[in-house]
Structures are given as structure tokens and as C-alpha cells.
Amino acid sequence: VTFELEPHSFFAAPPNLLHRMGGRPKAKH
């Protein structure tokens, strides 16, 4: 699944789940 984290968003990756930043951000975050 691909999703965006916006301000005040939360993401939790459980143990052993492959995850990555999906592309470089357009601006500082």
C-alpha cells in the first residue's frame, strides 16, 4: 500500500513489515 503522511498523521509499522519512503518528498518535512 502507498499512502501519504500529512501533518499530524501517524504510521505504525509492525515487526518484520517491509516499508520505505515511497519517493522523495517535494519539500522539507
mmCIF file of all heavy atoms, coordinates in Angstrom:
data_MODEL
# 
_entry.id   MODEL 
# 
loop_
_atom_site.group_PDB 
_atom_site.id 
_atom_site.type_symbol 
_atom_site.label_atom_id 
_atom_site.label_alt_id 
_atom_site.label_comp_id 
_atom_site.label_asym_id 
_atom_site.label_entity_id 
_atom_site.label_seq_id 
_atom_site.pdbx_PDB_ins_code 
_atom_site.Cartn_x 
_atom_site.Cartn_y 
_atom_site.Cartn_z 
_atom_site.occupancy 
_atom_site.B_iso_or_equiv 
_atom_site.pdbx_formal_charge 
_atom_site.auth_seq_id 
_atom_site.auth_comp_id 
_atom_site.auth_asym_id 
_atom_site.auth_atom_id 
_atom_site.pdbx_PDB_model_num 
ATOM 1   N N   . VAL A 1 1  ? 0.852  -1.192  0.000  1.00 0.00 ? 1  VAL A N   1 
ATOM 2   C CA  . VAL A 1 1  ? 0.000  0.000   0.000  1.00 0.00 ? 1  VAL A CA  1 
ATOM 3   C C   . VAL A 1 1  ? 0.887  1.241   0.000  1.00 0.00 ? 1  VAL A C   1 
ATOM 4   O O   . VAL A 1 1  ? 1.891  1.293   0.706  1.00 0.00 ? 1  VAL A O   1 
ATOM 5   C CB  . VAL A 1 1  ? -0.924 0.013   1.241  1.00 0.00 ? 1  VAL A CB  1 
ATOM 6   C CG1 . VAL A 1 1  ? -1.750 1.277   1.303  1.00 0.00 ? 1  VAL A CG1 1 
ATOM 7   C CG2 . VAL A 1 1  ? -1.807 -1.220  1.266  1.00 0.00 ? 1  VAL A CG2 1 
ATOM 8   N N   . THR A 1 2  ? 0.513  2.238   -0.790 1.00 0.00 ? 2  THR A N   1 
ATOM 9   C CA  . THR A 1 2  ? 1.205  3.526   -0.802 1.00 0.00 ? 2  THR A CA  1 
ATOM 10  C C   . THR A 1 2  ? 0.273  4.566   -0.201 1.00 0.00 ? 2  THR A C   1 
ATOM 11  O O   . THR A 1 2  ? -0.918 4.596   -0.515 1.00 0.00 ? 2  THR A O   1 
ATOM 12  C CB  . THR A 1 2  ? 1.577  3.941   -2.241 1.00 0.00 ? 2  THR A CB  1 
ATOM 13  O OG1 . THR A 1 2  ? 2.438  2.936   -2.790 1.00 0.00 ? 2  THR A OG1 1 
ATOM 14  C CG2 . THR A 1 2  ? 2.289  5.280   -2.253 1.00 0.00 ? 2  THR A CG2 1 
ATOM 15  N N   . PHE A 1 3  ? 0.789  5.387   0.679  1.00 0.00 ? 3  PHE A N   1 
ATOM 16  C CA  . PHE A 1 3  ? -0.032 6.400   1.338  1.00 0.00 ? 3  PHE A CA  1 
ATOM 17  C C   . PHE A 1 3  ? 0.818  7.616   1.654  1.00 0.00 ? 3  PHE A C   1 
ATOM 18  O O   . PHE A 1 3  ? 2.040  7.532   1.680  1.00 0.00 ? 3  PHE A O   1 
ATOM 19  C CB  . PHE A 1 3  ? -0.682 5.844   2.604  1.00 0.00 ? 3  PHE A CB  1 
ATOM 20  C CG  . PHE A 1 3  ? 0.310  5.260   3.576  1.00 0.00 ? 3  PHE A CG  1 
ATOM 21  C CD1 . PHE A 1 3  ? 0.845  6.031   4.587  1.00 0.00 ? 3  PHE A CD1 1 
ATOM 22  C CD2 . PHE A 1 3  ? 0.717  3.941   3.445  1.00 0.00 ? 3  PHE A CD2 1 
ATOM 23  C CE1 . PHE A 1 3  ? 1.769  5.493   5.460  1.00 0.00 ? 3  PHE A CE1 1 
ATOM 24  C CE2 . PHE A 1 3  ? 1.647  3.403   4.332  1.00 0.00 ? 3  PHE A CE2 1 
ATOM 25  C CZ  . PHE A 1 3  ? 2.163  4.183   5.330  1.00 0.00 ? 3  PHE A CZ  1 
ATOM 26  N N   . GLU A 1 4  ? 0.160  8.744   1.873  1.00 0.00 ? 4  GLU A N   1 
ATOM 27  C CA  . GLU A 1 4  ? 0.852  9.977   2.230  1.00 0.00 ? 4  GLU A CA  1 
ATOM 28  C C   . GLU A 1 4  ? 0.629  10.290  3.701  1.00 0.00 ? 4  GLU A C   1 
ATOM 29  O O   . GLU A 1 4  ? -0.488 10.150  4.206  1.00 0.00 ? 4  GLU A O   1 
ATOM 30  C CB  . GLU A 1 4  ? 0.367  11.139  1.378  1.00 0.00 ? 4  GLU A CB  1 
ATOM 31  C CG  . GLU A 1 4  ? 0.865  11.070  -0.041 1.00 0.00 ? 4  GLU A CG  1 
ATOM 32  C CD  . GLU A 1 4  ? 0.618  12.344  -0.819 1.00 0.00 ? 4  GLU A CD  1 
ATOM 33  O OE1 . GLU A 1 4  ? -0.051 13.269  -0.315 1.00 0.00 ? 4  GLU A OE1 1 
ATOM 34  O OE2 . GLU A 1 4  ? 1.113  12.409  -1.957 1.00 0.00 ? 4  GLU A OE2 1 
ATOM 35  N N   . LEU A 1 5  ? 1.708  10.707  4.345  1.00 0.00 ? 5  LEU A N   1 
ATOM 36  C CA  . LEU A 1 5  ? 1.611  11.214  5.708  1.00 0.00 ? 5  LEU A CA  1 
ATOM 37  C C   . LEU A 1 5  ? 1.626  12.731  5.615  1.00 0.00 ? 5  LEU A C   1 
ATOM 38  O O   . LEU A 1 5  ? 2.578  13.315  5.101  1.00 0.00 ? 5  LEU A O   1 
ATOM 39  C CB  . LEU A 1 5  ? 2.785  10.746  6.563  1.00 0.00 ? 5  LEU A CB  1 
ATOM 40  C CG  . LEU A 1 5  ? 2.823  9.281   6.954  1.00 0.00 ? 5  LEU A CG  1 
ATOM 41  C CD1 . LEU A 1 5  ? 4.042  9.008   7.829  1.00 0.00 ? 5  LEU A CD1 1 
ATOM 42  C CD2 . LEU A 1 5  ? 1.558  8.878   7.680  1.00 0.00 ? 5  LEU A CD2 1 
ATOM 43  N N   . GLU A 1 6  ? 0.572  13.345  6.072  1.00 0.00 ? 6  GLU A N   1 
ATOM 44  C CA  . GLU A 1 6  ? 0.468  14.797  6.130  1.00 0.00 ? 6  GLU A CA  1 
ATOM 45  C C   . GLU A 1 6  ? 0.682  15.225  7.575  1.00 0.00 ? 6  GLU A C   1 
ATOM 46  O O   . GLU A 1 6  ? 0.726  14.386  8.475  1.00 0.00 ? 6  GLU A O   1 
ATOM 47  C CB  . GLU A 1 6  ? -0.898 15.226  5.613  1.00 0.00 ? 6  GLU A CB  1 
ATOM 48  C CG  . GLU A 1 6  ? -1.103 14.864  4.149  1.00 0.00 ? 6  GLU A CG  1 
ATOM 49  C CD  . GLU A 1 6  ? -2.466 15.265  3.638  1.00 0.00 ? 6  GLU A CD  1 
ATOM 50  O OE1 . GLU A 1 6  ? -3.368 15.563  4.446  1.00 0.00 ? 6  GLU A OE1 1 
ATOM 51  O OE2 . GLU A 1 6  ? -2.634 15.276  2.410  1.00 0.00 ? 6  GLU A OE2 1 
ATOM 52  N N   . PRO A 1 7  ? 0.795  16.521  7.846  1.00 0.00 ? 7  PRO A N   1 
ATOM 53  C CA  . PRO A 1 7  ? 0.991  16.956  9.223  1.00 0.00 ? 7  PRO A CA  1 
ATOM 54  C C   . PRO A 1 7  ? -0.072 16.356  10.163 1.00 0.00 ? 7  PRO A C   1 
ATOM 55  O O   . PRO A 1 7  ? -1.249 16.282  9.811  1.00 0.00 ? 7  PRO A O   1 
ATOM 56  C CB  . PRO A 1 7  ? 0.854  18.477  9.143  1.00 0.00 ? 7  PRO A CB  1 
ATOM 57  C CG  . PRO A 1 7  ? 1.340  18.794  7.762  1.00 0.00 ? 7  PRO A CG  1 
ATOM 58  C CD  . PRO A 1 7  ? 0.824  17.648  6.909  1.00 0.00 ? 7  PRO A CD  1 
ATOM 59  N N   . HIS A 1 8  ? 0.390  15.882  11.289 1.00 0.00 ? 8  HIS A N   1 
ATOM 60  C CA  . HIS A 1 8  ? -0.423 15.266  12.346 1.00 0.00 ? 8  HIS A CA  1 
ATOM 61  C C   . HIS A 1 8  ? -0.902 13.871  11.975 1.00 0.00 ? 8  HIS A C   1 
ATOM 62  O O   . HIS A 1 8  ? -1.824 13.356  12.584 1.00 0.00 ? 8  HIS A O   1 
ATOM 63  C CB  . HIS A 1 8  ? -1.590 16.165  12.755 1.00 0.00 ? 8  HIS A CB  1 
ATOM 64  C CG  . HIS A 1 8  ? -1.167 17.567  13.046 1.00 0.00 ? 8  HIS A CG  1 
ATOM 65  N ND1 . HIS A 1 8  ? -0.356 17.892  14.119 1.00 0.00 ? 8  HIS A ND1 1 
ATOM 66  C CD2 . HIS A 1 8  ? -1.387 18.718  12.382 1.00 0.00 ? 8  HIS A CD2 1 
ATOM 67  C CE1 . HIS A 1 8  ? -0.116 19.187  14.102 1.00 0.00 ? 8  HIS A CE1 1 
ATOM 68  N NE2 . HIS A 1 8  ? -0.729 19.717  13.055 1.00 0.00 ? 8  HIS A NE2 1 
ATOM 69  N N   . SER A 1 9  ? -0.245 13.242  10.986 1.00 0.00 ? 9  SER A N   1 
ATOM 70  C CA  . SER A 1 9  ? -0.541 11.855  10.629 1.00 0.00 ? 9  SER A CA  1 
ATOM 71  C C   . SER A 1 9  ? 0.393  10.934  11.395 1.00 0.00 ? 9  SER A C   1 
ATOM 72  O O   . SER A 1 9  ? 1.510  11.298  11.750 1.00 0.00 ? 9  SER A O   1 
ATOM 73  C CB  . SER A 1 9  ? -0.340 11.618  9.134  1.00 0.00 ? 9  SER A CB  1 
ATOM 74  O OG  . SER A 1 9  ? -1.244 12.356  8.372  1.00 0.00 ? 9  SER A OG  1 
ATOM 75  N N   . PHE A 1 10 ? -0.061 9.711   11.584 1.00 0.00 ? 10 PHE A N   1 
ATOM 76  C CA  . PHE A 1 10 ? 0.673  8.719   12.353 1.00 0.00 ? 10 PHE A CA  1 
ATOM 77  C C   . PHE A 1 10 ? 0.747  7.427   11.544 1.00 0.00 ? 10 PHE A C   1 
ATOM 78  O O   . PHE A 1 10 ? -0.225 7.034   10.900 1.00 0.00 ? 10 PHE A O   1 
ATOM 79  C CB  . PHE A 1 10 ? -0.062 8.483   13.679 1.00 0.00 ? 10 PHE A CB  1 
ATOM 80  C CG  . PHE A 1 10 ? 0.621  7.540   14.602 1.00 0.00 ? 10 PHE A CG  1 
ATOM 81  C CD1 . PHE A 1 10 ? 1.695  7.949   15.357 1.00 0.00 ? 10 PHE A CD1 1 
ATOM 82  C CD2 . PHE A 1 10 ? 0.176  6.234   14.716 1.00 0.00 ? 10 PHE A CD2 1 
ATOM 83  C CE1 . PHE A 1 10 ? 2.328  7.071   16.219 1.00 0.00 ? 10 PHE A CE1 1 
ATOM 84  C CE2 . PHE A 1 10 ? 0.798  5.352   15.581 1.00 0.00 ? 10 PHE A CE2 1 
ATOM 85  C CZ  . PHE A 1 10 ? 1.881  5.767   16.331 1.00 0.00 ? 10 PHE A CZ  1 
ATOM 86  N N   . PHE A 1 11 ? 1.891  6.755   11.581 1.00 0.00 ? 11 PHE A N   1 
ATOM 87  C CA  . PHE A 1 11 ? 2.079  5.478   10.893 1.00 0.00 ? 11 PHE A CA  1 
ATOM 88  C C   . PHE A 1 11 ? 2.801  4.536   11.837 1.00 0.00 ? 11 PHE A C   1 
ATOM 89  O O   . PHE A 1 11 ? 3.780  4.915   12.482 1.00 0.00 ? 11 PHE A O   1 
ATOM 90  C CB  . PHE A 1 11 ? 2.895  5.693   9.619  1.00 0.00 ? 11 PHE A CB  1 
ATOM 91  C CG  . PHE A 1 11 ? 3.453  4.443   9.007  1.00 0.00 ? 11 PHE A CG  1 
ATOM 92  C CD1 . PHE A 1 11 ? 2.629  3.403   8.634  1.00 0.00 ? 11 PHE A CD1 1 
ATOM 93  C CD2 . PHE A 1 11 ? 4.812  4.311   8.776  1.00 0.00 ? 11 PHE A CD2 1 
ATOM 94  C CE1 . PHE A 1 11 ? 3.145  2.250   8.059  1.00 0.00 ? 11 PHE A CE1 1 
ATOM 95  C CE2 . PHE A 1 11 ? 5.338  3.177   8.198  1.00 0.00 ? 11 PHE A CE2 1 
ATOM 96  C CZ  . PHE A 1 11 ? 4.503  2.146   7.837  1.00 0.00 ? 11 PHE A CZ  1 
ATOM 97  N N   . ALA A 1 12 ? 2.317  3.302   11.949 1.00 0.00 ? 12 ALA A N   1 
ATOM 98  C CA  . ALA A 1 12 ? 2.953  2.287   12.784 1.00 0.00 ? 12 ALA A CA  1 
ATOM 99  C C   . ALA A 1 12 ? 3.263  1.072   11.914 1.00 0.00 ? 12 ALA A C   1 
ATOM 100 O O   . ALA A 1 12 ? 2.357  0.506   11.297 1.00 0.00 ? 12 ALA A O   1 
ATOM 101 C CB  . ALA A 1 12 ? 2.039  1.890   13.936 1.00 0.00 ? 12 ALA A CB  1 
ATOM 102 N N   . ALA A 1 13 ? 4.522  0.692   11.852 1.00 0.00 ? 13 ALA A N   1 
ATOM 103 C CA  . ALA A 1 13 ? 4.947  -0.492  11.111 1.00 0.00 ? 13 ALA A CA  1 
ATOM 104 C C   . ALA A 1 13 ? 5.183  -1.617  12.115 1.00 0.00 ? 13 ALA A C   1 
ATOM 105 O O   . ALA A 1 13 ? 6.050  -1.510  12.978 1.00 0.00 ? 13 ALA A O   1 
ATOM 106 C CB  . ALA A 1 13 ? 6.221  -0.202  10.326 1.00 0.00 ? 13 ALA A CB  1 
ATOM 107 N N   . PRO A 1 14 ? 4.424  -2.700  12.012 1.00 0.00 ? 14 PRO A N   1 
ATOM 108 C CA  . PRO A 1 14 ? 4.629  -3.817  12.942 1.00 0.00 ? 14 PRO A CA  1 
ATOM 109 C C   . PRO A 1 14 ? 5.950  -4.527  12.653 1.00 0.00 ? 14 PRO A C   1 
ATOM 110 O O   . PRO A 1 14 ? 6.558  -4.331  11.588 1.00 0.00 ? 14 PRO A O   1 
ATOM 111 C CB  . PRO A 1 14 ? 3.434  -4.728  12.663 1.00 0.00 ? 14 PRO A CB  1 
ATOM 112 C CG  . PRO A 1 14 ? 3.002  -4.408  11.293 1.00 0.00 ? 14 PRO A CG  1 
ATOM 113 C CD  . PRO A 1 14 ? 3.343  -2.966  11.068 1.00 0.00 ? 14 PRO A CD  1 
ATOM 114 N N   . PRO A 1 15 ? 6.403  -5.365  13.558 1.00 0.00 ? 15 PRO A N   1 
ATOM 115 C CA  . PRO A 1 15 ? 7.657  -6.084  13.345 1.00 0.00 ? 15 PRO A CA  1 
ATOM 116 C C   . PRO A 1 15 ? 7.666  -6.841  12.016 1.00 0.00 ? 15 PRO A C   1 
ATOM 117 O O   . PRO A 1 15 ? 6.661  -7.437  11.616 1.00 0.00 ? 15 PRO A O   1 
ATOM 118 C CB  . PRO A 1 15 ? 7.707  -7.059  14.522 1.00 0.00 ? 15 PRO A CB  1 
ATOM 119 C CG  . PRO A 1 15 ? 6.904  -6.390  15.594 1.00 0.00 ? 15 PRO A CG  1 
ATOM 120 C CD  . PRO A 1 15 ? 5.801  -5.685  14.858 1.00 0.00 ? 15 PRO A CD  1 
ATOM 121 N N   . ASN A 1 16 ? 8.812  -6.767  11.347 1.00 0.00 ? 16 ASN A N   1 
ATOM 122 C CA  . ASN A 1 16 ? 9.100  -7.510  10.126 1.00 0.00 ? 16 ASN A CA  1 
ATOM 123 C C   . ASN A 1 16 ? 8.316  -7.078  8.893  1.00 0.00 ? 16 ASN A C   1 
ATOM 124 O O   . ASN A 1 16 ? 8.361  -7.768  7.874  1.00 0.00 ? 16 ASN A O   1 
ATOM 125 C CB  . ASN A 1 16 ? 8.948  -9.011  10.367 1.00 0.00 ? 16 ASN A CB  1 
ATOM 126 C CG  . ASN A 1 16 ? 9.810  -9.465  11.524 1.00 0.00 ? 16 ASN A CG  1 
ATOM 127 O OD1 . ASN A 1 16 ? 10.990 -9.165  11.576 1.00 0.00 ? 16 ASN A OD1 1 
ATOM 128 N ND2 . ASN A 1 16 ? 9.206  -10.137 12.482 1.00 0.00 ? 16 ASN A ND2 1 
ATOM 129 N N   . LEU A 1 17 ? 7.614  -5.954  8.935  1.00 0.00 ? 17 LEU A N   1 
ATOM 130 C CA  . LEU A 1 17 ? 6.925  -5.436  7.753  1.00 0.00 ? 17 LEU A CA  1 
ATOM 131 C C   . LEU A 1 17 ? 7.903  -4.579  6.947  1.00 0.00 ? 17 LEU A C   1 
ATOM 132 O O   . LEU A 1 17 ? 8.449  -3.603  7.476  1.00 0.00 ? 17 LEU A O   1 
ATOM 133 C CB  . LEU A 1 17 ? 5.716  -4.587  8.152  1.00 0.00 ? 17 LEU A CB  1 
ATOM 134 C CG  . LEU A 1 17 ? 4.985  -3.926  6.978  1.00 0.00 ? 17 LEU A CG  1 
ATOM 135 C CD1 . LEU A 1 17 ? 4.229  -4.984  6.168  1.00 0.00 ? 17 LEU A CD1 1 
ATOM 136 C CD2 . LEU A 1 17 ? 4.040  -2.851  7.468  1.00 0.00 ? 17 LEU A CD2 1 
ATOM 137 N N   . LEU A 1 18 ? 8.128  -4.936  5.685  1.00 0.00 ? 18 LEU A N   1 
ATOM 138 C CA  . LEU A 1 18 ? 8.967  -4.102  4.827  1.00 0.00 ? 18 LEU A CA  1 
ATOM 139 C C   . LEU A 1 18 ? 8.245  -2.789  4.553  1.00 0.00 ? 18 LEU A C   1 
ATOM 140 O O   . LEU A 1 18 ? 7.068  -2.786  4.197  1.00 0.00 ? 18 LEU A O   1 
ATOM 141 C CB  . LEU A 1 18 ? 9.249  -4.813  3.507  1.00 0.00 ? 18 LEU A CB  1 
ATOM 142 C CG  . LEU A 1 18 ? 10.273 -5.934  3.559  1.00 0.00 ? 18 LEU A CG  1 
ATOM 143 C CD1 . LEU A 1 18 ? 10.347 -6.648  2.217  1.00 0.00 ? 18 LEU A CD1 1 
ATOM 144 C CD2 . LEU A 1 18 ? 11.640 -5.403  3.952  1.00 0.00 ? 18 LEU A CD2 1 
ATOM 145 N N   . HIS A 1 19 ? 8.953  -1.693  4.742  1.00 0.00 ? 19 HIS A N   1 
ATOM 146 C CA  . HIS A 1 19 ? 8.388  -0.373  4.482  1.00 0.00 ? 19 HIS A CA  1 
ATOM 147 C C   . HIS A 1 19 ? 9.503  0.556   4.033  1.00 0.00 ? 19 HIS A C   1 
ATOM 148 O O   . HIS A 1 19 ? 10.680 0.294   4.267  1.00 0.00 ? 19 HIS A O   1 
ATOM 149 C CB  . HIS A 1 19 ? 7.654  0.173   5.724  1.00 0.00 ? 19 HIS A CB  1 
ATOM 150 C CG  . HIS A 1 19 ? 8.497  0.281   6.944  1.00 0.00 ? 19 HIS A CG  1 
ATOM 151 N ND1 . HIS A 1 19 ? 8.860  -0.820  7.700  1.00 0.00 ? 19 HIS A ND1 1 
ATOM 152 C CD2 . HIS A 1 19 ? 9.059  1.347   7.558  1.00 0.00 ? 19 HIS A CD2 1 
ATOM 153 C CE1 . HIS A 1 19 ? 9.597  -0.422  8.723  1.00 0.00 ? 19 HIS A CE1 1 
ATOM 154 N NE2 . HIS A 1 19 ? 9.742  0.892   8.652  1.00 0.00 ? 19 HIS A NE2 1 
ATOM 155 N N   . ARG A 1 20 ? 9.103  1.631   3.336  1.00 0.00 ? 20 ARG A N   1 
ATOM 156 C CA  . ARG A 1 20 ? 10.083 2.595   2.860  1.00 0.00 ? 20 ARG A CA  1 
ATOM 157 C C   . ARG A 1 20 ? 9.387  3.901   2.524  1.00 0.00 ? 20 ARG A C   1 
ATOM 158 O O   . ARG A 1 20 ? 8.171  3.951   2.345  1.00 0.00 ? 20 ARG A O   1 
ATOM 159 C CB  . ARG A 1 20 ? 10.809 2.089   1.622  1.00 0.00 ? 20 ARG A CB  1 
ATOM 160 C CG  . ARG A 1 20 ? 9.962  2.090   0.373  1.00 0.00 ? 20 ARG A CG  1 
ATOM 161 C CD  . ARG A 1 20 ? 10.754 1.574   -0.815 1.00 0.00 ? 20 ARG A CD  1 
ATOM 162 N NE  . ARG A 1 20 ? 10.123 1.926   -2.063 1.00 0.00 ? 20 ARG A NE  1 
ATOM 163 C CZ  . ARG A 1 20 ? 10.534 2.895   -2.865 1.00 0.00 ? 20 ARG A CZ  1 
ATOM 164 N NH1 . ARG A 1 20 ? 11.583 3.620   -2.558 1.00 0.00 ? 20 ARG A NH1 1 
ATOM 165 N NH2 . ARG A 1 20 ? 9.897  3.155   -3.985 1.00 0.00 ? 20 ARG A NH2 1 
ATOM 166 N N   . MET A 1 21 ? 10.187 4.956   2.445  1.00 0.00 ? 21 MET A N   1 
ATOM 167 C CA  . MET A 1 21 ? 9.667  6.212   1.953  1.00 0.00 ? 21 MET A CA  1 
ATOM 168 C C   . MET A 1 21 ? 9.503  6.034   0.446  1.00 0.00 ? 21 MET A C   1 
ATOM 169 O O   . MET A 1 21 ? 10.463 5.714   -0.250 1.00 0.00 ? 21 MET A O   1 
ATOM 170 C CB  . MET A 1 21 ? 10.607 7.366   2.272  1.00 0.00 ? 21 MET A CB  1 
ATOM 171 C CG  . MET A 1 21 ? 10.020 8.712   1.920  1.00 0.00 ? 21 MET A CG  1 
ATOM 172 S SD  . MET A 1 21 ? 11.129 10.071  2.354  1.00 0.00 ? 21 MET A SD  1 
ATOM 173 C CE  . MET A 1 21 ? 11.003 10.032  4.132  1.00 0.00 ? 21 MET A CE  1 
ATOM 174 N N   . GLY A 1 22 ? 8.305  6.184   -0.053 1.00 0.00 ? 22 GLY A N   1 
ATOM 175 C CA  . GLY A 1 22 ? 7.996  5.886   -1.452 1.00 0.00 ? 22 GLY A CA  1 
ATOM 176 C C   . GLY A 1 22 ? 8.228  7.067   -2.365 1.00 0.00 ? 22 GLY A C   1 
ATOM 177 O O   . GLY A 1 22 ? 7.279  7.708   -2.785 1.00 0.00 ? 22 GLY A O   1 
ATOM 178 N N   . GLY A 1 23 ? 9.432  7.379   -2.638 1.00 0.00 ? 23 GLY A N   1 
ATOM 179 C CA  . GLY A 1 23 ? 9.748  8.533   -3.471 1.00 0.00 ? 23 GLY A CA  1 
ATOM 180 C C   . GLY A 1 23 ? 10.176 9.695   -2.606 1.00 0.00 ? 23 GLY A C   1 
ATOM 181 O O   . GLY A 1 23 ? 9.792  9.798   -1.444 1.00 0.00 ? 23 GLY A O   1 
ATOM 182 N N   . ARG A 1 24 ? 10.967 10.517  -3.156 1.00 0.00 ? 24 ARG A N   1 
ATOM 183 C CA  . ARG A 1 24 ? 11.488 11.647  -2.380 1.00 0.00 ? 24 ARG A CA  1 
ATOM 184 C C   . ARG A 1 24 ? 10.434 12.727  -2.225 1.00 0.00 ? 24 ARG A C   1 
ATOM 185 O O   . ARG A 1 24 ? 9.673  12.994  -3.148 1.00 0.00 ? 24 ARG A O   1 
ATOM 186 C CB  . ARG A 1 24 ? 12.717 12.182  -3.077 1.00 0.00 ? 24 ARG A CB  1 
ATOM 187 C CG  . ARG A 1 24 ? 13.692 11.032  -3.277 1.00 0.00 ? 24 ARG A CG  1 
ATOM 188 C CD  . ARG A 1 24 ? 15.071 11.395  -3.075 1.00 0.00 ? 24 ARG A CD  1 
ATOM 189 N NE  . ARG A 1 24 ? 15.805 10.134  -2.984 1.00 0.00 ? 24 ARG A NE  1 
ATOM 190 C CZ  . ARG A 1 24 ? 17.055 10.026  -3.237 1.00 0.00 ? 24 ARG A CZ  1 
ATOM 191 N NH1 . ARG A 1 24 ? 17.731 11.068  -3.584 1.00 0.00 ? 24 ARG A NH1 1 
ATOM 192 N NH2 . ARG A 1 24 ? 17.650 8.879   -3.119 1.00 0.00 ? 24 ARG A NH2 1 
ATOM 193 N N   . PRO A 1 25 ? 10.371 13.353  -1.060 1.00 0.00 ? 25 PRO A N   1 
ATOM 194 C CA  . PRO A 1 25 ? 9.383  14.417  -0.851 1.00 0.00 ? 25 PRO A CA  1 
ATOM 195 C C   . PRO A 1 25 ? 9.684  15.628  -1.735 1.00 0.00 ? 25 PRO A C   1 
ATOM 196 O O   . PRO A 1 25 ? 10.817 15.823  -2.173 1.00 0.00 ? 25 PRO A O   1 
ATOM 197 C CB  . PRO A 1 25 ? 9.525  14.764  0.626  1.00 0.00 ? 25 PRO A CB  1 
ATOM 198 C CG  . PRO A 1 25 ? 10.835 14.216  1.038  1.00 0.00 ? 25 PRO A CG  1 
ATOM 199 C CD  . PRO A 1 25 ? 11.191 13.108  0.108  1.00 0.00 ? 25 PRO A CD  1 
ATOM 200 N N   . LYS A 1 26 ? 8.658  16.420  -1.988 1.00 0.00 ? 26 LYS A N   1 
ATOM 201 C CA  . LYS A 1 26 ? 8.811  17.609  -2.836 1.00 0.00 ? 26 LYS A CA  1 
ATOM 202 C C   . LYS A 1 26 ? 9.415  18.780  -2.077 1.00 0.00 ? 26 LYS A C   1 
ATOM 203 O O   . LYS A 1 26 ? 9.945  19.698  -2.658 1.00 0.00 ? 26 LYS A O   1 
ATOM 204 C CB  . LYS A 1 26 ? 7.461  18.001  -3.414 1.00 0.00 ? 26 LYS A CB  1 
ATOM 205 C CG  . LYS A 1 26 ? 6.911  16.954  -4.351 1.00 0.00 ? 26 LYS A CG  1 
ATOM 206 C CD  . LYS A 1 26 ? 5.560  17.335  -4.865 1.00 0.00 ? 26 LYS A CD  1 
ATOM 207 C CE  . LYS A 1 26 ? 5.024  16.211  -5.742 1.00 0.00 ? 26 LYS A CE  1 
ATOM 208 N NZ  . LYS A 1 26 ? 3.668  16.401  -6.134 1.00 0.00 ? 26 LYS A NZ  1 
ATOM 209 N N   . ALA A 1 27 ? 9.312  18.759  -0.770 1.00 0.00 ? 27 ALA A N   1 
ATOM 210 C CA  . ALA A 1 27 ? 9.820  19.856  0.058  1.00 0.00 ? 27 ALA A CA  1 
ATOM 211 C C   . ALA A 1 27 ? 10.294 19.290  1.395  1.00 0.00 ? 27 ALA A C   1 
ATOM 212 O O   . ALA A 1 27 ? 10.058 18.120  1.708  1.00 0.00 ? 27 ALA A O   1 
ATOM 213 C CB  . ALA A 1 27 ? 8.718  20.894  0.283  1.00 0.00 ? 27 ALA A CB  1 
ATOM 214 N N   . LYS A 1 28 ? 10.936 20.143  2.173  1.00 0.00 ? 28 LYS A N   1 
ATOM 215 C CA  . LYS A 1 28 ? 11.386 19.741  3.503  1.00 0.00 ? 28 LYS A CA  1 
ATOM 216 C C   . LYS A 1 28 ? 10.196 19.251  4.326  1.00 0.00 ? 28 LYS A C   1 
ATOM 217 O O   . LYS A 1 28 ? 9.093  19.781  4.211  1.00 0.00 ? 28 LYS A O   1 
ATOM 218 C CB  . LYS A 1 28 ? 12.046 20.949  4.177  1.00 0.00 ? 28 LYS A CB  1 
ATOM 219 C CG  . LYS A 1 28 ? 12.591 20.651  5.554  1.00 0.00 ? 28 LYS A CG  1 
ATOM 220 C CD  . LYS A 1 28 ? 13.403 21.805  6.083  1.00 0.00 ? 28 LYS A CD  1 
ATOM 221 C CE  . LYS A 1 28 ? 12.513 22.966  6.425  1.00 0.00 ? 28 LYS A CE  1 
ATOM 222 N NZ  . LYS A 1 28 ? 13.199 24.028  7.145  1.00 0.00 ? 28 LYS A NZ  1 
ATOM 223 N N   . HIS A 1 29 ? 10.419 18.216  5.117  1.00 0.00 ? 29 HIS A N   1 
ATOM 224 C CA  . HIS A 1 29 ? 9.371  17.748  6.021  1.00 0.00 ? 29 HIS A CA  1 
ATOM 225 C C   . HIS A 1 29 ? 10.009 17.344  7.356  1.00 0.00 ? 29 HIS A C   1 
ATOM 226 O O   . HIS A 1 29 ? 11.217 17.174  7.459  1.00 0.00 ? 29 HIS A O   1 
ATOM 227 C CB  . HIS A 1 29 ? 8.543  16.629  5.393  1.00 0.00 ? 29 HIS A CB  1 
ATOM 228 C CG  . HIS A 1 29 ? 9.294  15.361  5.138  1.00 0.00 ? 29 HIS A CG  1 
ATOM 229 N ND1 . HIS A 1 29 ? 10.155 15.200  4.087  1.00 0.00 ? 29 HIS A ND1 1 
ATOM 230 C CD2 . HIS A 1 29 ? 9.312  14.199  5.802  1.00 0.00 ? 29 HIS A CD2 1 
ATOM 231 C CE1 . HIS A 1 29 ? 10.668 13.981  4.111  1.00 0.00 ? 29 HIS A CE1 1 
ATOM 232 N NE2 . HIS A 1 29 ? 10.171 13.357  5.149  1.00 0.00 ? 29 HIS A NE2 1 
# 
